[in-house]
Amino acid sequence: MRHRVSFRKLSRTHEHRRALLRNLVTSLFLHERIETTVAKAKEARRVAERMITFAKRGDLAARRHVDSYVFDPSATRKLFDTIAPWYKDRPGGYTRIIRIGRRLGDAGEIAVFELVKTDEQKEADKKRRIAAAEARELAKAGASPTSKKKGETEDEEAAEEGEAPKKGKGRAKQAAGAAAGGSRSGGKGRKGAAGGGASKAPSKPGRTKRGGD
């Protein structure tokens, strides 16, 4: 029986369980909201709130302790510079677990594990998300009319330079083949004409008898 056992093993070894919790806590500090199972969220909450308490101290020893646990140094910076000041007047309860149902497959109970925020912080986050979405839509709208096909762009560039637009690959090959055939036939005609002239040997002039002969 599980007497005096105050934690969940999560069907993992000690090393695997420690790495899992470190990953969850690091992702929580970076993204401020993650989705996982209820059992994992309950185990990660114990560690995350302890790290936030260390960050509220703000001294060098606390920073080294947190940095030795989380995987990403940027998570440590965000924890000490941004997250810890949110809870300077709050004695505990920095995180929240919201159950959202069961997942398909193994029917594991899923929850949202997030940092507790005030109404002002939630409103600021909402405005930031809306602004980011509008910026993405404007970027897409600005990129779509300028996208043209490669052939159209080349034709426009040729027209600006005063040249004829480039033809397709098939027509270009046909034109090249016709030009090559004409050159071959012309060469043969010239060769034949030259050969015909050369075949007719000029008549040798008769020998004139000398007066002595």
Protein backbone atom coordinates (compact mmCIF):
# COMPACT_ATOMS: atom_id res chain seq x y z
CA MET A 1 0.00 0.00 0.00
CA ARG A 2 1.07 3.58 -0.63
CA HIS A 3 1.48 4.73 2.96
CA ARG A 4 3.28 8.03 3.53
CA VAL A 5 3.85 8.60 -0.20
CA SER A 6 3.25 12.28 -0.93
CA PHE A 7 3.83 12.34 -4.69
CA ARG A 8 2.73 10.62 -7.90
CA LYS A 9 5.14 8.36 -9.73
CA LEU A 10 3.37 8.99 -13.08
CA SER A 11 4.47 5.49 -14.25
CA ARG A 12 8.03 6.75 -14.74
CA THR A 13 11.42 6.28 -13.18
CA HIS A 14 12.96 8.97 -11.01
CA GLU A 15 15.12 10.41 -13.80
CA HIS A 16 12.29 10.40 -16.35
CA ARG A 17 9.85 11.95 -13.88
CA ARG A 18 12.29 14.71 -12.94
CA ALA A 19 12.95 15.55 -16.60
CA LEU A 20 9.21 15.62 -17.28
CA LEU A 21 8.53 18.06 -14.44
CA ARG A 22 11.44 20.28 -15.48
CA ASN A 23 10.02 20.43 -19.00
CA LEU A 24 6.54 21.30 -17.76
CA VAL A 25 7.77 24.05 -15.45
CA THR A 26 10.02 25.55 -18.13
CA SER A 27 7.15 25.60 -20.64
CA LEU A 28 4.84 27.16 -18.06
CA PHE A 29 7.22 30.04 -17.39
CA LEU A 30 7.83 30.62 -21.10
CA HIS A 31 4.23 30.38 -22.36
CA GLU A 32 2.30 31.14 -19.14
CA ARG A 33 -0.31 28.52 -20.10
CA ILE A 34 0.10 24.87 -21.09
CA GLU A 35 -2.17 21.86 -21.62
CA THR A 36 -1.39 18.53 -19.96
CA THR A 37 -3.02 15.80 -17.91
CA VAL A 38 -4.45 16.54 -14.48
CA ALA A 39 -1.96 14.26 -12.69
CA LYS A 40 1.03 15.91 -14.37
CA ALA A 41 -0.37 19.38 -13.70
CA LYS A 42 -0.80 18.63 -9.98
CA GLU A 43 2.79 17.43 -9.70
CA ALA A 44 4.18 20.34 -11.72
CA ARG A 45 2.22 22.86 -9.64
CA ARG A 46 4.21 21.97 -6.51
CA VAL A 47 7.51 22.66 -8.28
CA ALA A 48 6.33 25.76 -10.20
CA GLU A 49 5.04 27.55 -7.12
CA ARG A 50 8.24 26.77 -5.26
CA MET A 51 10.28 28.28 -8.13
CA ILE A 52 8.11 31.41 -8.06
CA THR A 53 8.72 31.73 -4.31
CA PHE A 54 12.46 31.54 -4.95
CA ALA A 55 12.13 34.18 -7.66
CA LYS A 56 10.34 36.54 -5.25
CA ARG A 57 13.46 36.49 -3.07
CA GLY A 58 15.43 37.81 -6.01
CA ASP A 59 18.94 37.16 -4.66
CA LEU A 60 21.81 35.47 -6.46
CA ALA A 61 21.43 32.15 -4.65
CA ALA A 62 17.76 31.95 -5.62
CA ARG A 63 18.56 32.74 -9.25
CA ARG A 64 21.23 30.02 -9.35
CA HIS A 65 18.85 27.53 -7.76
CA VAL A 66 16.10 28.21 -10.33
CA ASP A 67 18.57 28.26 -13.21
CA SER A 68 19.85 24.82 -12.20
CA TYR A 69 16.31 23.41 -12.47
CA VAL A 70 14.74 24.95 -15.58
CA PHE A 71 16.12 24.05 -18.98
CA ASP A 72 15.97 27.44 -20.74
CA PRO A 73 17.90 30.48 -19.38
CA SER A 74 15.29 32.79 -20.94
CA ALA A 75 12.68 31.15 -18.67
CA THR A 76 14.77 32.13 -15.64
CA ARG A 77 15.04 35.72 -16.85
CA LYS A 78 11.32 35.94 -17.49
CA LEU A 79 10.52 34.42 -14.10
CA PHE A 80 12.66 36.91 -12.16
CA ASP A 81 12.00 40.00 -14.30
CA THR A 82 8.32 39.60 -15.28
CA ILE A 83 6.47 36.87 -13.38
CA ALA A 84 7.80 37.32 -9.85
CA PRO A 85 6.73 41.02 -9.61
CA TRP A 86 3.14 39.97 -10.35
CA TYR A 87 2.94 38.12 -7.01
CA LYS A 88 4.93 40.39 -4.71
CA ASP A 89 1.81 40.96 -2.54
CA ARG A 90 0.41 37.43 -2.96
CA PRO A 91 1.44 34.81 -0.37
CA GLY A 92 0.70 31.77 -2.57
CA GLY A 93 -1.61 30.23 -5.11
CA TYR A 94 0.27 31.41 -8.19
CA THR A 95 -1.07 28.73 -10.58
CA ARG A 96 -4.46 27.39 -11.63
CA ILE A 97 -5.65 24.01 -12.99
CA ILE A 98 -8.77 24.03 -15.20
CA ARG A 99 -10.17 20.67 -16.26
CA ILE A 100 -11.30 20.65 -19.89
CA GLY A 101 -12.38 17.03 -20.47
CA ARG A 102 -10.92 13.74 -21.58
CA ARG A 103 -8.78 13.09 -24.63
CA LEU A 104 -9.49 10.51 -27.30
CA GLY A 105 -7.60 7.26 -27.16
CA ASP A 106 -6.89 6.56 -23.50
CA ALA A 107 -9.55 8.90 -22.05
CA GLY A 108 -6.94 10.68 -19.96
CA GLU A 109 -8.29 13.72 -18.12
CA ILE A 110 -6.85 16.91 -19.67
CA ALA A 111 -6.43 20.24 -17.93
CA VAL A 112 -5.09 23.71 -18.64
CA PHE A 113 -2.24 24.59 -16.31
CA GLU A 114 -1.70 28.35 -16.21
CA LEU A 115 -0.42 31.23 -14.12
CA VAL A 116 -2.95 33.27 -12.18
CA LYS A 117 -3.34 36.80 -13.58
CA THR A 118 -5.32 39.87 -12.63
CA ASP A 119 -8.10 41.29 -14.80
CA GLU A 120 -5.81 44.07 -16.06
CA GLN A 121 -3.19 41.55 -17.15
CA LYS A 122 -5.81 39.43 -18.91
CA GLU A 123 -7.13 42.49 -20.78
CA ALA A 124 -3.62 43.50 -21.83
CA ASP A 125 -2.92 39.95 -23.06
CA LYS A 126 -6.17 39.97 -25.03
CA LYS A 127 -5.31 43.26 -26.71
CA ARG A 128 -1.83 41.99 -27.55
CA ARG A 129 -3.24 38.81 -29.13
CA ILE A 130 -5.77 40.82 -31.18
CA ALA A 131 -3.06 43.19 -32.39
CA ALA A 132 -0.83 40.28 -33.38
CA ALA A 133 -3.68 38.61 -35.29
CA GLU A 134 -4.49 41.86 -37.13
CA ALA A 135 -0.83 42.31 -38.05
CA ARG A 136 -0.73 38.78 -39.50
CA GLU A 137 -3.88 39.43 -41.54
CA LEU A 138 -2.45 42.69 -42.90
CA ALA A 139 0.77 40.95 -43.82
CA LYS A 140 -1.15 38.25 -45.71
CA ALA A 141 -3.32 40.83 -47.49
CA GLY A 142 -0.29 42.86 -48.50
CA ALA A 143 1.59 39.83 -49.84
CA SER A 144 -1.24 38.33 -51.96
CA PRO A 145 -1.71 41.03 -54.69
CA THR A 146 2.02 41.31 -55.33
CA SER A 147 2.47 37.59 -55.88
CA LYS A 148 2.71 36.94 -59.63
CA LYS A 149 3.76 34.08 -61.78
CA LYS A 150 7.33 33.84 -62.88
CA GLY A 151 6.49 34.09 -66.58
CA GLU A 152 4.39 37.23 -66.10
CA THR A 153 7.17 38.92 -64.18
CA GLU A 154 9.74 38.08 -66.87
CA ASP A 155 7.42 39.37 -69.63
CA GLU A 156 6.88 42.64 -67.76
CA GLU A 157 10.62 43.09 -67.25
CA ALA A 158 11.25 42.41 -70.94
CA ALA A 159 8.53 44.92 -71.94
CA GLU A 160 10.08 47.60 -69.72
CA GLU A 161 13.47 47.02 -71.38
CA GLY A 162 11.91 47.29 -74.86
CA GLU A 163 12.42 43.63 -75.76
CA ALA A 164 9.94 41.09 -77.03
CA PRO A 165 8.38 38.91 -74.35
CA LYS A 166 9.94 35.53 -73.88
CA LYS A 167 8.13 32.59 -75.42
CA GLY A 168 7.44 29.28 -73.78
CA LYS A 169 10.00 26.55 -73.62
CA GLY A 170 8.33 24.51 -76.40
CA ARG A 171 8.23 27.41 -78.85
CA ALA A 172 11.80 28.35 -78.06
CA LYS A 173 12.95 24.78 -78.76
CA GLN A 174 11.00 24.72 -82.07
CA ALA A 175 12.52 28.00 -83.17
CA ALA A 176 16.00 26.80 -82.25
CA GLY A 177 15.43 23.53 -84.15
CA ALA A 178 14.20 25.38 -87.25
CA ALA A 179 17.20 27.67 -87.21
CA ALA A 180 19.57 24.73 -86.82
CA GLY A 181 17.87 22.86 -89.70
CA GLY A 182 18.12 25.88 -91.99
CA SER A 183 21.80 26.27 -91.27
CA ARG A 184 22.39 22.58 -91.99
CA SER A 185 20.52 22.68 -95.30
CA GLY A 186 22.29 25.86 -96.32
CA GLY A 187 25.62 24.28 -95.55
CA LYS A 188 24.78 21.25 -97.61
CA GLY A 189 23.73 23.42 -100.59
CA ARG A 190 26.92 25.39 -100.47
CA LYS A 191 28.93 22.22 -100.14
CA GLY A 192 27.10 20.64 -103.05
CA ALA A 193 27.62 23.68 -105.23
CA ALA A 194 31.25 23.74 -104.36
CA GLY A 195 31.56 20.05 -105.08
CA GLY A 196 29.85 20.41 -108.46
CA GLY A 197 32.19 23.17 -109.55
CA ALA A 198 35.17 21.18 -108.45
CA SER A 199 34.09 18.04 -110.36
CA LYS A 200 34.26 19.82 -113.70
CA ALA A 201 38.02 19.96 -114.26
CA PRO A 202 39.13 22.75 -116.55
CA SER A 203 40.32 21.63 -119.96
CA LYS A 204 44.07 21.73 -120.30
CA PRO A 205 45.30 23.91 -123.16
CA GLY A 206 46.91 22.03 -126.02
CA ARG A 207 50.67 22.02 -126.24
CA THR A 208 52.03 24.35 -128.85
CA LYS A 209 54.77 22.95 -130.96
CA ARG A 210 57.95 24.87 -130.93
CA GLY A 211 59.42 26.04 -134.11
CA GLY A 212 62.42 23.74 -133.71
CA ASP A 213 60.16 20.68 -133.44
